[in-house]
Amino acid sequence: MNRWLPDEDATCRLGAALAACCPPGPGLLLTLRGDLGAGKSTLARALLKGLGASGTIRSPTYTLTEPYDTPQGSVLHMDLYRLADAEELESLGYRDWRDQHRLLIVEWPERAGRSLGPIDLDLQLDYLDSGRQACLEALSGAGEAWLRALRVA
């Protein structure tokens, strides 16, 4: 599924729509891919706000992980850009986190190799003309349900 995002507001609306359609967890995995500045953190921030996260929503660029409690369950936002190799993910405790959170949002998933495990929904943001193109791909049954709900919304 492709969506044209002409500006930051459109990126935020997509994040909010993903939140509204998010199936129940635990352990849903959403991966966000794209170049630096493509809007991954903006989309993640809007998704978290849509799920009801309150307070400041920080980018996990330096901390690697930022947990959030929402009315719909806990969410872990990860940014793996600074990961030196996939083995570091294990030392962070990723395997335990997967089942402890309703949703994991992972930026720069390619840095983890195959260590992330099954992905439910992959979202690629690419620069296109003066905006962005979002390409969403369901990679599991839960991901397919998420996309079906998003199409209806």
Protein backbone atom coordinates (compact mmCIF):
# COMPACT_ATOMS: atom_id res chain seq x y z
CA MET A 1 0.00 0.00 0.00
CA ASN A 2 1.41 3.39 -0.97
CA ARG A 3 0.56 6.81 0.45
CA TRP A 4 1.75 10.17 -0.83
CA LEU A 5 2.79 12.46 2.04
CA PRO A 6 3.17 16.01 0.69
CA ASP A 7 4.21 17.51 4.04
CA GLU A 8 4.85 16.89 7.74
CA ASP A 9 1.14 17.18 8.57
CA ALA A 10 0.37 14.31 6.18
CA THR A 11 3.09 12.23 7.84
CA CYS A 12 1.52 12.95 11.24
CA ARG A 13 -1.94 12.03 9.94
CA LEU A 14 -0.57 8.67 8.74
CA GLY A 15 0.96 8.06 12.17
CA ALA A 16 -2.36 8.90 13.86
CA ALA A 17 -4.24 6.62 11.45
CA LEU A 18 -1.82 3.77 12.20
CA ALA A 19 -2.50 4.27 15.90
CA ALA A 20 -6.26 4.23 15.39
CA CYS A 21 -6.04 0.96 13.42
CA CYS A 22 -3.37 -0.79 15.48
CA PRO A 23 -4.42 -4.37 16.28
CA PRO A 24 -4.03 -5.70 19.82
CA GLY A 25 -0.60 -7.02 20.81
CA PRO A 26 1.50 -8.18 22.48
CA GLY A 27 4.67 -8.12 20.50
CA LEU A 28 3.57 -6.33 17.33
CA LEU A 29 6.59 -5.14 15.38
CA LEU A 30 6.45 -2.08 13.13
CA THR A 31 9.65 -1.26 11.27
CA LEU A 32 10.34 2.20 9.87
CA ARG A 33 12.89 2.49 7.09
CA GLY A 34 14.15 5.45 5.07
CA ASP A 35 17.00 7.90 4.71
CA LEU A 36 17.98 10.39 7.40
CA GLY A 37 15.33 13.09 7.62
CA ALA A 38 12.70 11.06 5.76
CA GLY A 39 10.20 11.43 8.61
CA LYS A 40 10.52 8.18 10.57
CA SER A 41 10.67 9.89 13.97
CA THR A 42 7.88 12.29 13.03
CA LEU A 43 5.64 9.39 12.08
CA ALA A 44 6.57 7.45 15.24
CA ARG A 45 5.84 10.49 17.42
CA ALA A 46 2.38 10.91 15.84
CA LEU A 47 1.66 7.20 16.25
CA LEU A 48 2.64 7.33 19.92
CA LYS A 49 0.47 10.40 20.52
CA GLY A 50 -2.38 8.63 18.72
CA LEU A 51 -2.00 5.67 21.09
CA GLY A 52 -2.28 8.05 24.03
CA ALA A 53 1.36 8.52 25.08
CA SER A 54 1.57 11.67 27.15
CA GLY A 55 4.37 14.05 27.95
CA THR A 56 7.44 14.59 25.84
CA ILE A 57 8.03 12.00 23.15
CA ARG A 58 11.78 11.85 22.61
CA SER A 59 13.64 10.39 19.68
CA PRO A 60 15.62 7.37 20.86
CA THR A 61 18.58 8.29 18.64
CA TYR A 62 21.03 8.45 21.55
CA THR A 63 19.30 6.27 24.13
CA LEU A 64 18.45 3.56 21.52
CA THR A 65 15.16 2.85 23.33
CA GLU A 66 12.33 4.92 24.78
CA PRO A 67 9.44 3.15 26.53
CA TYR A 68 5.94 4.63 26.72
CA ASP A 69 2.87 3.64 28.69
CA THR A 70 -0.35 4.18 26.79
CA PRO A 71 -3.95 3.40 27.70
CA GLN A 72 -3.72 0.54 25.18
CA GLY A 73 -0.53 -0.99 26.59
CA SER A 74 3.19 -0.32 26.67
CA VAL A 75 5.07 0.67 23.54
CA LEU A 76 8.81 0.60 22.96
CA HIS A 77 10.30 2.99 20.38
CA MET A 78 13.76 1.96 19.21
CA ASP A 79 16.27 3.68 16.94
CA LEU A 80 19.01 1.30 15.85
CA TYR A 81 20.99 3.80 13.76
CA ARG A 82 23.87 3.82 16.28
CA LEU A 83 23.95 0.04 16.65
CA ALA A 84 27.44 -1.19 15.72
CA ASP A 85 26.28 -4.72 14.89
CA ALA A 86 23.23 -6.96 15.24
CA GLU A 87 24.70 -8.72 18.30
CA GLU A 88 24.29 -5.52 20.33
CA LEU A 89 20.53 -5.93 20.07
CA GLU A 90 20.71 -9.06 22.23
CA SER A 91 22.73 -7.29 24.90
CA LEU A 92 20.04 -4.59 25.05
CA GLY A 93 17.50 -7.24 26.09
CA TYR A 94 15.46 -7.14 22.90
CA ARG A 95 14.26 -10.74 23.12
CA ASP A 96 12.54 -10.02 26.45
CA TRP A 97 11.08 -6.73 25.25
CA ARG A 98 9.29 -8.29 22.31
CA ASP A 99 6.72 -10.05 24.52
CA GLN A 100 6.55 -7.35 27.21
CA HIS A 101 5.22 -4.60 24.95
CA ARG A 102 2.06 -4.29 22.93
CA LEU A 103 4.00 -2.65 20.12
CA LEU A 104 7.63 -2.17 19.18
CA ILE A 105 8.41 0.63 16.73
CA VAL A 106 11.87 0.16 15.27
CA GLU A 107 13.69 2.75 13.18
CA TRP A 108 16.67 1.57 11.13
CA PRO A 109 15.72 -2.15 11.39
CA GLU A 110 18.31 -3.11 8.79
CA ARG A 111 21.00 -2.53 11.46
CA ALA A 112 19.64 -5.54 13.38
CA GLY A 113 19.88 -8.02 10.52
CA ARG A 114 17.60 -10.98 11.21
CA SER A 115 17.76 -10.46 14.98
CA LEU A 116 14.42 -8.63 15.14
CA GLY A 117 12.41 -11.73 14.31
CA PRO A 118 9.09 -11.65 12.46
CA ILE A 119 7.96 -8.20 11.37
CA ASP A 120 4.25 -7.42 11.26
CA LEU A 121 4.29 -4.18 9.28
CA ASP A 122 7.14 -2.56 7.38
CA LEU A 123 6.93 1.10 6.42
CA GLN A 124 9.43 2.61 3.98
CA LEU A 125 9.61 6.41 3.62
CA ASP A 126 11.25 7.75 0.47
CA TYR A 127 11.81 11.27 -0.76
CA LEU A 128 9.63 11.94 -3.79
CA ASP A 129 9.44 15.34 -5.44
CA SER A 130 8.71 17.82 -2.65
CA GLY A 131 7.24 15.25 -0.24
CA ARG A 132 7.53 11.62 0.77
CA GLN A 133 6.18 8.34 -0.49
CA ALA A 134 5.17 5.87 2.24
CA CYS A 135 5.13 2.23 1.20
CA LEU A 136 3.50 -0.07 3.76
CA GLU A 137 3.90 -3.83 3.52
CA ALA A 138 2.19 -6.38 5.76
CA LEU A 139 4.46 -9.28 6.65
CA SER A 140 2.14 -11.22 9.01
CA GLY A 141 -1.52 -11.85 9.66
CA ALA A 142 -1.57 -9.04 12.22
CA GLY A 143 0.10 -6.75 9.69
CA GLU A 144 -2.51 -7.64 7.07
CA ALA A 145 -5.31 -6.84 9.54
CA TRP A 146 -3.58 -3.52 10.32
CA LEU A 147 -3.41 -2.59 6.62
CA ARG A 148 -7.02 -3.63 5.98
CA ALA A 149 -8.17 -1.39 8.84
CA LEU A 150 -5.99 1.45 7.54
CA ARG A 151 -7.53 1.20 4.06
CA VAL A 152 -11.02 1.50 5.57
CA ALA A 153 -10.03 4.45 7.77
